[in-house]
Amino acid sequence: MVSSIAPANHTVCSGSSTLCKLVSWWNKNCSNGSNDSAILMHQSDWLLWLLHGEYGVCDYNNTLKVGYDPEIGSYPSWLMSQPYSHMLPSSVRAPGVPIGPIKEDVRSQYGFSNDCVVCTGTTDSIAAFLAARTTDAGKAVTSLGSTLAIKLVSRVRVEDARFGVYSHRLDDQWLVGGASNSGGVVLRQLFSDDQLVTLSKDIDPSSPSPLDYYPLPKSGERFPVSDPDMEPRLEPRPDSDAEYLHGILESMARIEASGYKLLKELGATPVEEVFTAGGGAQNEKWTAIRERVLGVPVRKAEQTEAAYGAALLALRGATTGS
């Protein structure tokens, strides 16, 4: 239903988008008529509402997947013509800008200062990116957690729902991202933490592995290849476990490189430097392999917690008032 009203390959056409969830709820609860008393609130909208008390306030990062266009600063006409459009947040602002003072009852109950203000938020993944304190075009953060996710600062907005690629506005630039199903979950299926540490010591990261794998936890890949039927490729397995691990880490690095290559082909700013977050950032041999395969400097991000990025965002809003 969303694909029938949205432009082709729009980010809201993903089944996990906020708009798809809203349409599903609307069809279930309002099929016999409008529900004027209902409003849509993202998690951060609701939490902030408890603090400032204003309905309808949101940021343009959280509203991206409900259809808000941060480039033109409004909802598109194809969305506003829908019967549930009145449920959308009515006041969409930039992340990290003051909304208003904290409610007096909350302030007094928890002992906040008289000049405490509440600022708009962002998504958890963007907050984690902001924690790395890298906002120059060409700089990127790869998160090596259970999956392999990349985010790149680009001067150009890039979106293609076929690959799960979308762009969040980042001040006057764009944060382009995509996520592979490959990642740490595959390593966990094959090795223990102790084995990963021990076997990594026997890897020469300067020597390319001849093994060509596509490590997936199960069937299906979304980025940089969109193929729901793709099967994991983890054979042939050599006698040496260290060689096997080397091949897997190298193959994941190739997937990462293909991801940044795809973003470039779609029009994004080419990657110039990569910061690493997630558990995989602790493996220095993997970092060296990735640096060789990517052909750009790769280093561990000093801060990666979303809470840290959110604090930086609030600090900026509270000190600049913009």
C-alpha atoms as a PDB file:
ATOM      1  CA  MET A   1       0.000   0.000   0.000  1.00  0.00           C
ATOM      2  CA  VAL A   2       2.844   2.389   0.792  1.00  0.00           C
ATOM      3  CA  SER A   3       4.593   1.543  -2.492  1.00  0.00           C
ATOM      4  CA  SER A   4       1.413   2.516  -4.332  1.00  0.00           C
ATOM      5  CA  ILE A   5       1.554   6.106  -3.031  1.00  0.00           C
ATOM      6  CA  ALA A   6       5.295   6.760  -2.554  1.00  0.00           C
ATOM      7  CA  PRO A   7       7.903   7.373  -5.276  1.00  0.00           C
ATOM      8  CA  ALA A   8       9.777   4.316  -6.539  1.00  0.00           C
ATOM      9  CA  ASN A   9      12.603   3.107  -4.275  1.00  0.00           C
ATOM     10  CA  HIS A  10      11.687   5.642  -1.564  1.00  0.00           C
ATOM     11  CA  THR A  11      12.968   4.753   1.905  1.00  0.00           C
ATOM     12  CA  VAL A  12       9.392   4.430   3.254  1.00  0.00           C
ATOM     13  CA  CYS A  13       8.871   1.472   0.892  1.00  0.00           C
ATOM     14  CA  SER A  14      10.930  -0.706   3.228  1.00  0.00           C
ATOM     15  CA  GLY A  15       8.673  -3.002   5.244  1.00  0.00           C
ATOM     16  CA  SER A  16      10.288  -1.811   8.477  1.00  0.00           C
ATOM     17  CA  SER A  17       9.628   1.892   7.835  1.00  0.00           C
ATOM     18  CA  THR A  18       7.602   3.977  10.266  1.00  0.00           C
ATOM     19  CA  LEU A  19       5.081   4.765   7.529  1.00  0.00           C
ATOM     20  CA  CYS A  20       4.430   1.063   6.902  1.00  0.00           C
ATOM     21  CA  LYS A  21       3.835   0.604  10.618  1.00  0.00           C
ATOM     22  CA  LEU A  22       1.476   3.597  10.667  1.00  0.00           C
ATOM     23  CA  VAL A  23      -0.489   2.349   7.657  1.00  0.00           C
ATOM     24  CA  SER A  24      -0.759  -1.106   9.223  1.00  0.00           C
ATOM     25  CA  TRP A  25      -2.092   0.396  12.471  1.00  0.00           C
ATOM     26  CA  TRP A  26      -4.505   2.662  10.579  1.00  0.00           C
ATOM     27  CA  ASN A  27      -5.975  -0.210   8.562  1.00  0.00           C
ATOM     28  CA  LYS A  28      -6.505  -2.239  11.712  1.00  0.00           C
ATOM     29  CA  ASN A  29      -7.967   0.487  13.912  1.00  0.00           C
ATOM     30  CA  CYS A  30      -9.519   3.077  11.597  1.00  0.00           C
ATOM     31  CA  SER A  31     -10.931   1.119   8.672  1.00  0.00           C
ATOM     32  CA  ASN A  32     -14.442   2.373   9.439  1.00  0.00           C
ATOM     33  CA  GLY A  33     -13.562   6.036   9.727  1.00  0.00           C
ATOM     34  CA  SER A  34     -11.061   8.611  10.940  1.00  0.00           C
ATOM     35  CA  ASN A  35      -9.559   8.622  14.406  1.00  0.00           C
ATOM     36  CA  ASP A  36      -9.010  12.301  15.181  1.00  0.00           C
ATOM     37  CA  SER A  37      -7.748  11.659  18.703  1.00  0.00           C
ATOM     38  CA  ALA A  38      -4.714   9.541  17.720  1.00  0.00           C
ATOM     39  CA  ILE A  39      -1.232  10.918  17.019  1.00  0.00           C
ATOM     40  CA  LEU A  40       2.033   9.304  15.972  1.00  0.00           C
ATOM     41  CA  MET A  41       4.948   9.589  18.392  1.00  0.00           C
ATOM     42  CA  HIS A  42       8.394   8.072  17.984  1.00  0.00           C
ATOM     43  CA  GLN A  43       9.999   6.742  21.171  1.00  0.00           C
ATOM     44  CA  SER A  44      12.094   9.888  21.597  1.00  0.00           C
ATOM     45  CA  ASP A  45       9.047  12.102  20.899  1.00  0.00           C
ATOM     46  CA  TRP A  46       7.167  10.420  23.730  1.00  0.00           C
ATOM     47  CA  LEU A  47      10.058  10.600  26.174  1.00  0.00           C
ATOM     48  CA  LEU A  48      10.652  14.273  25.416  1.00  0.00           C
ATOM     49  CA  TRP A  49       6.913  14.996  25.660  1.00  0.00           C
ATOM     50  CA  LEU A  50       7.027  13.727  29.250  1.00  0.00           C
ATOM     51  CA  LEU A  51       9.632  16.430  29.894  1.00  0.00           C
ATOM     52  CA  HIS A  52       8.302  19.431  27.950  1.00  0.00           C
ATOM     53  CA  GLY A  53       4.583  18.680  27.553  1.00  0.00           C
ATOM     54  CA  GLU A  54       4.135  19.769  23.906  1.00  0.00           C
ATOM     55  CA  TYR A  55       2.365  17.469  21.449  1.00  0.00           C
ATOM     56  CA  GLY A  56       3.540  17.070  17.856  1.00  0.00           C
ATOM     57  CA  VAL A  57       7.225  17.986  18.228  1.00  0.00           C
ATOM     58  CA  CYS A  58       9.801  15.818  16.466  1.00  0.00           C
ATOM     59  CA  ASP A  59      13.135  16.031  14.619  1.00  0.00           C
ATOM     60  CA  TYR A  60      13.815  15.474  10.930  1.00  0.00           C
ATOM     61  CA  ASN A  61      15.955  12.380  11.559  1.00  0.00           C
ATOM     62  CA  ASN A  62      13.203  10.412  13.295  1.00  0.00           C
ATOM     63  CA  THR A  63      10.553  11.531  10.774  1.00  0.00           C
ATOM     64  CA  LEU A  64      12.595  10.466   7.722  1.00  0.00           C
ATOM     65  CA  LYS A  65      11.089   6.978   7.612  1.00  0.00           C
ATOM     66  CA  VAL A  66       7.557   8.253   7.970  1.00  0.00           C
ATOM     67  CA  GLY A  67       8.061  10.257   4.772  1.00  0.00           C
ATOM     68  CA  TYR A  68       9.250  13.700   5.882  1.00  0.00           C
ATOM     69  CA  ASP A  69      11.572  15.323   3.334  1.00  0.00           C
ATOM     70  CA  PRO A  70      14.435  17.060   5.182  1.00  0.00           C
ATOM     71  CA  GLU A  71      15.677  18.618   1.945  1.00  0.00           C
ATOM     72  CA  ILE A  72      12.543  20.694   1.372  1.00  0.00           C
ATOM     73  CA  GLY A  73      11.641  20.864   5.064  1.00  0.00           C
ATOM     74  CA  SER A  74       8.119  19.486   4.841  1.00  0.00           C
ATOM     75  CA  TYR A  75       6.004  16.409   4.248  1.00  0.00           C
ATOM     76  CA  PRO A  76       5.434  15.659   0.534  1.00  0.00           C
ATOM     77  CA  SER A  77       2.000  16.184  -0.982  1.00  0.00           C
ATOM     78  CA  TRP A  78       1.521  12.460  -1.663  1.00  0.00           C
ATOM     79  CA  LEU A  79       1.734  11.867   2.087  1.00  0.00           C
ATOM     80  CA  MET A  80      -0.347  14.849   3.216  1.00  0.00           C
ATOM     81  CA  SER A  81      -3.239  13.697   1.020  1.00  0.00           C
ATOM     82  CA  GLN A  82      -3.614  10.462   3.010  1.00  0.00           C
ATOM     83  CA  PRO A  83      -6.411  10.096   5.602  1.00  0.00           C
ATOM     84  CA  TYR A  84      -3.913   9.533   8.443  1.00  0.00           C
ATOM     85  CA  SER A  85      -1.767  12.622   7.708  1.00  0.00           C
ATOM     86  CA  HIS A  86      -3.221  14.440  10.735  1.00  0.00           C
ATOM     87  CA  MET A  87      -1.437  11.900  12.952  1.00  0.00           C
ATOM     88  CA  LEU A  88       2.048  12.998  11.807  1.00  0.00           C
ATOM     89  CA  PRO A  89       4.207  15.227  14.039  1.00  0.00           C
ATOM     90  CA  SER A  90       3.167  18.785  13.212  1.00  0.00           C
ATOM     91  CA  SER A  91       6.351  20.582  14.294  1.00  0.00           C
ATOM     92  CA  VAL A  92       9.442  18.966  12.763  1.00  0.00           C
ATOM     93  CA  ARG A  93      12.700  20.639  13.731  1.00  0.00           C
ATOM     94  CA  ALA A  94      16.427  20.097  13.365  1.00  0.00           C
ATOM     95  CA  PRO A  95      18.001  17.680  15.882  1.00  0.00           C
ATOM     96  CA  GLY A  96      19.484  19.303  18.972  1.00  0.00           C
ATOM     97  CA  VAL A  97      17.507  22.544  19.023  1.00  0.00           C
ATOM     98  CA  PRO A  98      15.677  23.826  22.123  1.00  0.00           C
ATOM     99  CA  ILE A  99      11.994  22.953  22.373  1.00  0.00           C
ATOM    100  CA  GLY A 100      11.298  24.714  25.631  1.00  0.00           C
ATOM    101  CA  PRO A 101      11.844  24.573  29.385  1.00  0.00           C
ATOM    102  CA  ILE A 102      11.390  21.381  31.296  1.00  0.00           C
ATOM    103  CA  LYS A 103       7.969  21.078  32.969  1.00  0.00           C
ATOM    104  CA  GLU A 104       7.908  22.593  36.429  1.00  0.00           C
ATOM    105  CA  ASP A 105       6.624  19.448  38.149  1.00  0.00           C
ATOM    106  CA  VAL A 106       9.416  17.383  36.574  1.00  0.00           C
ATOM    107  CA  ARG A 107      12.010  20.041  37.376  1.00  0.00           C
ATOM    108  CA  SER A 108      11.059  20.242  41.013  1.00  0.00           C
ATOM    109  CA  GLN A 109      10.648  16.483  41.444  1.00  0.00           C
ATOM    110  CA  TYR A 110      14.118  15.653  40.127  1.00  0.00           C
ATOM    111  CA  GLY A 111      15.965  18.818  41.097  1.00  0.00           C
ATOM    112  CA  PHE A 112      16.849  20.161  37.652  1.00  0.00           C
ATOM    113  CA  SER A 113      18.062  23.745  37.428  1.00  0.00           C
ATOM    114  CA  ASN A 114      15.637  26.579  36.649  1.00  0.00           C
ATOM    115  CA  ASP A 115      17.219  27.188  33.249  1.00  0.00           C
ATOM    116  CA  CYS A 116      17.133  23.532  32.122  1.00  0.00           C
ATOM    117  CA  VAL A 117      15.832  23.239  28.532  1.00  0.00           C
ATOM    118  CA  VAL A 118      14.681  20.234  26.517  1.00  0.00           C
ATOM    119  CA  CYS A 119      16.137  19.807  23.005  1.00  0.00           C
ATOM    120  CA  THR A 120      15.015  17.751  20.032  1.00  0.00           C
ATOM    121  CA  GLY A 121      16.657  14.356  19.670  1.00  0.00           C
ATOM    122  CA  THR A 122      17.750  12.077  16.850  1.00  0.00           C
ATOM    123  CA  THR A 123      17.890   8.357  16.076  1.00  0.00           C
ATOM    124  CA  ASP A 124      20.118   5.994  18.040  1.00  0.00           C
ATOM    125  CA  SER A 125      22.343   5.217  15.054  1.00  0.00           C
ATOM    126  CA  ILE A 126      22.948   8.883  14.296  1.00  0.00           C
ATOM    127  CA  ALA A 127      23.662   9.610  17.942  1.00  0.00           C
ATOM    128  CA  ALA A 128      26.278   6.834  17.843  1.00  0.00           C
ATOM    129  CA  PHE A 129      27.765   8.403  14.715  1.00  0.00           C
ATOM    130  CA  LEU A 130      27.896  11.833  16.366  1.00  0.00           C
ATOM    131  CA  ALA A 131      29.785  10.259  19.272  1.00  0.00           C
ATOM    132  CA  ALA A 132      32.718   9.652  16.909  1.00  0.00           C
ATOM    133  CA  ARG A 133      32.937  13.438  16.333  1.00  0.00           C
ATOM    134  CA  THR A 134      33.570  13.156  12.603  1.00  0.00           C
ATOM    135  CA  THR A 135      31.308  15.292  10.441  1.00  0.00           C
ATOM    136  CA  ASP A 136      33.507  16.147   7.422  1.00  0.00           C
ATOM    137  CA  ALA A 137      32.449  14.923   3.982  1.00  0.00           C
ATOM    138  CA  GLY A 138      34.208  11.675   3.101  1.00  0.00           C
ATOM    139  CA  LYS A 139      34.538  10.571   6.719  1.00  0.00           C
ATOM    140  CA  ALA A 140      32.692   7.399   7.685  1.00  0.00           C
ATOM    141  CA  VAL A 141      31.921   5.096  10.581  1.00  0.00           C
ATOM    142  CA  THR A 142      31.707   1.336  10.152  1.00  0.00           C
ATOM    143  CA  SER A 143      29.952  -0.467  12.985  1.00  0.00           C
ATOM    144  CA  LEU A 144      31.199  -4.036  13.377  1.00  0.00           C
ATOM    145  CA  GLY A 145      28.589  -5.490  15.675  1.00  0.00           C
ATOM    146  CA  SER A 146      26.267  -8.399  14.954  1.00  0.00           C
ATOM    147  CA  THR A 147      25.916  -6.898  11.479  1.00  0.00           C
ATOM    148  CA  LEU A 148      28.208  -4.741   9.345  1.00  0.00           C
ATOM    149  CA  ALA A 149      26.751  -1.227   9.069  1.00  0.00           C
ATOM    150  CA  ILE A 150      28.332   1.784   7.391  1.00  0.00           C
ATOM    151  CA  LYS A 151      27.533   5.483   7.562  1.00  0.00           C
ATOM    152  CA  LEU A 152      29.248   8.071   5.352  1.00  0.00           C
ATOM    153  CA  VAL A 153      29.144  11.861   5.451  1.00  0.00           C
ATOM    154  CA  SER A 154      28.249  12.973   1.928  1.00  0.00           C
ATOM    155  CA  ARG A 155      27.682  16.298   0.207  1.00  0.00           C
ATOM    156  CA  VAL A 156      25.043  14.568  -1.924  1.00  0.00           C
ATOM    157  CA  ARG A 157      21.820  12.917  -0.790  1.00  0.00           C
ATOM    158  CA  VAL A 158      21.546   9.261  -1.854  1.00  0.00           C
ATOM    159  CA  GLU A 159      18.566   6.932  -1.459  1.00  0.00           C
ATOM    160  CA  ASP A 160      17.693   3.551  -2.941  1.00  0.00           C
ATOM    161  CA  ALA A 161      15.285   1.264  -1.088  1.00  0.00           C
ATOM    162  CA  ARG A 162      16.411  -1.711  -3.188  1.00  0.00           C
ATOM    163  CA  PHE A 163      19.624  -1.787  -1.163  1.00  0.00           C
ATOM    164  CA  GLY A 164      18.261  -0.290   2.058  1.00  0.00           C
ATOM    165  CA  VAL A 165      20.289   2.871   1.361  1.00  0.00           C
ATOM    166  CA  TYR A 166      18.952   6.156   2.717  1.00  0.00           C
ATOM    167  CA  SER A 167      20.260   9.563   3.757  1.00  0.00           C
ATOM    168  CA  HIS A 168      19.716  11.435   6.977  1.00  0.00           C
ATOM    169  CA  ARG A 169      20.254  15.167   6.979  1.00  0.00           C
ATOM    170  CA  LEU A 170      23.322  16.173   8.983  1.00  0.00           C
ATOM    171  CA  ASP A 171      23.195  19.991   9.196  1.00  0.00           C
ATOM    172  CA  ASP A 172      24.010  21.038   5.594  1.00  0.00           C
ATOM    173  CA  GLN A 173      25.316  17.595   4.582  1.00  0.00           C
ATOM    174  CA  TRP A 174      23.952  14.052   4.420  1.00  0.00           C
ATOM    175  CA  LEU A 175      24.651  10.893   6.375  1.00  0.00           C
ATOM    176  CA  VAL A 176      24.310   8.004   3.926  1.00  0.00           C
ATOM    177  CA  GLY A 177      24.028   4.492   5.295  1.00  0.00           C
ATOM    178  CA  GLY A 178      23.569   0.836   4.542  1.00  0.00           C
ATOM    179  CA  ALA A 179      23.875  -2.425   6.485  1.00  0.00           C
ATOM    180  CA  SER A 180      24.961  -5.923   5.475  1.00  0.00           C
ATOM    181  CA  ASN A 181      23.666  -9.059   7.158  1.00  0.00           C
ATOM    182  CA  SER A 182      27.274 -10.187   7.455  1.00  0.00           C
ATOM    183  CA  GLY A 183      29.138  -9.354  10.633  1.00  0.00           C
ATOM    184  CA  GLY A 184      29.955 -10.510  14.119  1.00  0.00           C
ATOM    185  CA  VAL A 185      27.027 -12.916  14.380  1.00  0.00           C
ATOM    186  CA  VAL A 186      28.766 -15.133  11.786  1.00  0.00           C
ATOM    187  CA  LEU A 187      31.996 -15.104  13.771  1.00  0.00           C
ATOM    188  CA  ARG A 188      30.060 -16.101  16.899  1.00  0.00           C
ATOM    189  CA  GLN A 189      28.640 -19.099  15.069  1.00  0.00           C
ATOM    190  CA  LEU A 190      32.137 -20.375  14.240  1.00  0.00           C
ATOM    191  CA  PHE A 191      34.513 -19.230  16.982  1.00  0.00           C
ATOM    192  CA  SER A 192      34.548 -18.444  20.692  1.00  0.00           C
ATOM    193  CA  ASP A 193      35.909 -15.128  21.958  1.00  0.00           C
ATOM    194  CA  ASP A 194      39.093 -16.826  23.134  1.00  0.00           C
ATOM    195  CA  GLN A 195      39.564 -18.489  19.746  1.00  0.00           C
ATOM    196  CA  LEU A 196      39.176 -15.164  17.943  1.00  0.00           C
ATOM    197  CA  VAL A 197      41.888 -13.621  20.101  1.00  0.00           C
ATOM    198  CA  THR A 198      44.257 -16.588  19.801  1.00  0.00           C
ATOM    199  CA  LEU A 199      43.803 -17.251  16.082  1.00  0.00           C
ATOM    200  CA  SER A 200      44.095 -13.569  15.173  1.00  0.00           C
ATOM    201  CA  LYS A 201      47.656 -13.578  16.514  1.00  0.00           C
ATOM    202  CA  ASP A 202      48.649 -15.967  13.699  1.00  0.00           C
ATOM    203  CA  ILE A 203      47.222 -13.786  10.916  1.00  0.00           C
ATOM    204  CA  ASP A 204      49.500 -11.669   8.722  1.00  0.00           C
ATOM    205  CA  PRO A 205      47.196  -8.760   7.765  1.00  0.00           C
ATOM    206  CA  SER A 206      49.592  -7.559   5.043  1.00  0.00           C
ATOM    207  CA  SER A 207      49.103 -10.803   3.104  1.00  0.00           C
ATOM    208  CA  PRO A 208      45.810 -11.085   1.169  1.00  0.00           C
ATOM    209  CA  SER A 209      43.826 -14.256   1.803  1.00  0.00           C
ATOM    210  CA  PRO A 210      43.124 -16.337  -1.323  1.00  0.00           C
ATOM    211  CA  LEU A 211      39.868 -17.588   0.216  1.00  0.00           C
ATOM    212  CA  ASP A 212      36.703 -16.085  -1.267  1.00  0.00           C
ATOM    213  CA  TYR A 213      33.741 -16.279   1.098  1.00  0.00           C
ATOM    214  CA  TYR A 214      30.470 -14.430   1.640  1.00  0.00           C
ATOM    215  CA  PRO A 215      29.880 -14.836   5.387  1.00  0.00           C
ATOM    216  CA  LEU A 216      26.167 -14.730   6.268  1.00  0.00           C
ATOM    217  CA  PRO A 217      24.374 -16.141   9.334  1.00  0.00           C
ATOM    218  CA  LYS A 218      21.566 -17.490   7.117  1.00  0.00           C
ATOM    219  CA  SER A 219      20.067 -16.993   3.677  1.00  0.00           C
ATOM    220  CA  GLY A 220      19.528 -13.421   2.480  1.00  0.00           C
ATOM    221  CA  GLU A 221      21.539 -10.250   1.941  1.00  0.00           C
ATOM    222  CA  ARG A 222      20.377  -6.635   1.694  1.00  0.00           C
ATOM    223  CA  PHE A 223      23.488  -4.501   1.188  1.00  0.00           C
ATOM    224  CA  PRO A 224      25.635  -4.062  -0.863  1.00  0.00           C
ATOM    225  CA  VAL A 225      23.837  -6.863  -2.742  1.00  0.00           C
ATOM    226  CA  SER A 226      20.060  -7.039  -2.578  1.00  0.00           C
ATOM    227  CA  ASP A 227      19.298 -10.757  -2.747  1.00  0.00           C
ATOM    228  CA  PRO A 228      16.871 -12.313  -0.228  1.00  0.00           C
ATOM    229  CA  ASP A 229      17.851 -15.782  -1.495  1.00  0.00           C
ATOM    230  CA  MET A 230      21.643 -15.415  -1.279  1.00  0.00           C
ATOM    231  CA  GLU A 231      23.176 -18.377   0.511  1.00  0.00           C
ATOM    232  CA  PRO A 232      26.130 -18.115   2.922  1.00  0.00           C
ATOM    233  CA  ARG A 233      29.452 -19.072   1.321  1.00  0.00           C
ATOM    234  CA  LEU A 234      31.950 -20.345   3.903  1.00  0.00           C
ATOM    235  CA  GLU A 235      33.667 -23.147   2.045  1.00  0.00           C
ATOM    236  CA  PRO A 236      36.151 -24.619   1.313  1.00  0.00           C
ATOM    237  CA  ARG A 237      37.473 -24.643   4.860  1.00  0.00           C
ATOM    238  CA  PRO A 238      41.256 -25.023   5.144  1.00  0.00           C
ATOM    239  CA  ASP A 239      42.881 -27.254   7.754  1.00  0.00           C
ATOM    240  CA  SER A 240      44.242 -24.211   9.577  1.00  0.00           C
ATOM    241  CA  ASP A 241      41.655 -22.381  11.713  1.00  0.00           C
ATOM    242  CA  ALA A 242      43.802 -19.244  11.539  1.00  0.00           C
ATOM    243  CA  GLU A 243      43.716 -19.329   7.726  1.00  0.00           C
ATOM    244  CA  TYR A 244      39.957 -19.886   7.899  1.00  0.00           C
ATOM    245  CA  LEU A 245      39.464 -16.870  10.167  1.00  0.00           C
ATOM    246  CA  HIS A 246      41.774 -14.805   7.956  1.00  0.00           C
ATOM    247  CA  GLY A 247      39.609 -15.662   4.935  1.00  0.00           C
ATOM    248  CA  ILE A 248      36.408 -14.732   6.743  1.00  0.00           C
ATOM    249  CA  LEU A 249      37.753 -11.393   8.031  1.00  0.00           C
ATOM    250  CA  GLU A 250      39.147 -10.573   4.595  1.00  0.00           C
ATOM    251  CA  SER A 251      35.839 -11.450   2.938  1.00  0.00           C
ATOM    252  CA  MET A 252      33.948  -9.200   5.342  1.00  0.00           C
ATOM    253  CA  ALA A 253      36.401  -6.414   4.539  1.00  0.00           C
ATOM    254  CA  ARG A 254      35.587  -6.914   0.833  1.00  0.00           C
ATOM    255  CA  ILE A 255      31.874  -6.622   1.637  1.00  0.00           C
ATOM    256  CA  GLU A 256      32.581  -3.376   3.487  1.00  0.00           C
ATOM    257  CA  ALA A 257      34.613  -2.064   0.537  1.00  0.00           C
ATOM    258  CA  SER A 258      31.807  -3.031  -1.856  1.00  0.00           C
ATOM    259  CA  GLY A 259      29.383  -1.098   0.341  1.00  0.00           C
ATOM    260  CA  TYR A 260      31.385   2.109   0.124  1.00  0.00           C
ATOM    261  CA  LYS A 261      31.854   1.510  -3.616  1.00  0.00           C
ATOM    262  CA  LEU A 262      28.085   1.181  -4.076  1.00  0.00           C
ATOM    263  CA  LEU A 263      27.440   4.428  -2.188  1.00  0.00           C
ATOM    264  CA  LYS A 264      29.918   6.155  -4.507  1.00  0.00           C
ATOM    265  CA  GLU A 265      28.225   4.659  -7.580  1.00  0.00           C
ATOM    266  CA  LEU A 266      24.878   5.934  -6.297  1.00  0.00           C
ATOM    267  CA  GLY A 267      26.373   9.436  -6.130  1.00  0.00           C
ATOM    268  CA  ALA A 268      27.695   9.808  -2.574  1.00  0.00           C
ATOM    269  CA  THR A 269      30.972  11.498  -1.671  1.00  0.00           C
ATOM    270  CA  PRO A 270      33.849   8.945  -1.897  1.00  0.00           C
ATOM    271  CA  VAL A 271      35.092   7.632   1.448  1.00  0.00           C
ATOM    272  CA  GLU A 272      38.404   9.104   2.653  1.00  0.00           C
ATOM    273  CA  GLU A 273      38.716   7.786   6.216  1.00  0.00           C
ATOM    274  CA  VAL A 274      36.881   5.191   8.285  1.00  0.00           C
ATOM    275  CA  PHE A 275      36.343   5.152  12.042  1.00  0.00           C
ATOM    276  CA  THR A 276      35.330   1.845  13.578  1.00  0.00           C
ATOM    277  CA  ALA A 277      32.725   1.168  16.253  1.00  0.00           C
ATOM    278  CA  GLY A 278      31.402  -2.058  17.735  1.00  0.00           C
ATOM    279  CA  GLY A 279      33.118  -5.154  19.056  1.00  0.00           C
ATOM    280  CA  GLY A 280      35.084  -5.690  15.846  1.00  0.00           C
ATOM    281  CA  ALA A 281      36.999  -2.485  16.494  1.00  0.00           C
ATOM    282  CA  GLN A 282      38.993  -4.323  19.165  1.00  0.00           C
ATOM    283  CA  ASN A 283      40.644  -6.669  16.630  1.00  0.00           C
ATOM    284  CA  GLU A 284      43.780  -4.893  15.414  1.00  0.00           C
ATOM    285  CA  LYS A 285      44.544  -7.525  12.763  1.00  0.00           C
ATOM    286  CA  TRP A 286      41.081  -7.061  11.258  1.00  0.00           C
ATOM    287  CA  THR A 287      41.592  -3.288  11.280  1.00  0.00           C
ATOM    288  CA  ALA A 288      44.840  -3.712   9.345  1.00  0.00           C
ATOM    289  CA  ILE A 289      43.151  -6.039   6.838  1.00  0.00           C
ATOM    290  CA  ARG A 290      40.323  -3.568   6.324  1.00  0.00           C
ATOM    291  CA  GLU A 291      42.736  -0.676   5.846  1.00  0.00           C
ATOM    292  CA  ARG A 292      44.524  -2.617   3.092  1.00  0.00           C
ATOM    293  CA  VAL A 293      41.282  -3.680   1.373  1.00  0.00           C
ATOM    294  CA  LEU A 294      39.550  -0.289   1.677  1.00  0.00           C
ATOM    295  CA  GLY A 295      42.625   1.693   0.655  1.00  0.00           C
ATOM    296  CA  VAL A 296      41.928   4.465   3.172  1.00  0.00           C
ATOM    297  CA  PRO A 297      43.001   5.079   6.787  1.00  0.00           C
ATOM    298  CA  VAL A 298      41.017   3.013   9.314  1.00  0.00           C
ATOM    299  CA  ARG A 299      41.074   3.623  13.052  1.00  0.00           C
ATOM    300  CA  LYS A 300      39.011   2.971  16.137  1.00  0.00           C
ATOM    301  CA  ALA A 301      36.546   5.649  17.193  1.00  0.00           C
ATOM    302  CA  GLU A 302      37.312   6.954  20.685  1.00  0.00           C
ATOM    303  CA  GLN A 303      33.625   7.246  21.580  1.00  0.00           C
ATOM    304  CA  THR A 304      30.832   5.120  20.118  1.00  0.00           C
ATOM    305  CA  GLU A 305      28.003   5.198  22.658  1.00  0.00           C
ATOM    306  CA  ALA A 306      24.744   6.698  21.400  1.00  0.00           C
ATOM    307  CA  ALA A 307      24.245   8.317  24.823  1.00  0.00           C
ATOM    308  CA  TYR A 308      27.492  10.244  24.353  1.00  0.00           C
ATOM    309  CA  GLY A 309      26.385  11.507  20.939  1.00  0.00           C
ATOM    310  CA  ALA A 310      22.990  12.508  22.326  1.00  0.00           C
ATOM    311  CA  ALA A 311      24.727  14.445  25.110  1.00  0.00           C
ATOM    312  CA  LEU A 312      26.864  16.286  22.540  1.00  0.00           C
ATOM    313  CA  LEU A 313      23.705  17.141  20.583  1.00  0.00           C
ATOM    314  CA  ALA A 314      21.961  18.470  23.687  1.00  0.00           C
ATOM    315  CA  LEU A 315      25.051  20.432  24.699  1.00  0.00           C
ATOM    316  CA  ARG A 316      25.139  22.138  21.312  1.00  0.00           C
ATOM    317  CA  GLY A 317      21.456  22.988  21.488  1.00  0.00           C
ATOM    318  CA  ALA A 318      21.619  24.289  25.028  1.00  0.00           C
ATOM    319  CA  THR A 319      24.717  26.442  24.432  1.00  0.00           C
ATOM    320  CA  THR A 320      23.925  27.858  20.984  1.00  0.00           C
ATOM    321  CA  GLY A 321      20.158  28.021  21.146  1.00  0.00           C
ATOM    322  CA  SER A 322      20.012  27.010  17.473  1.00  0.00           C
END
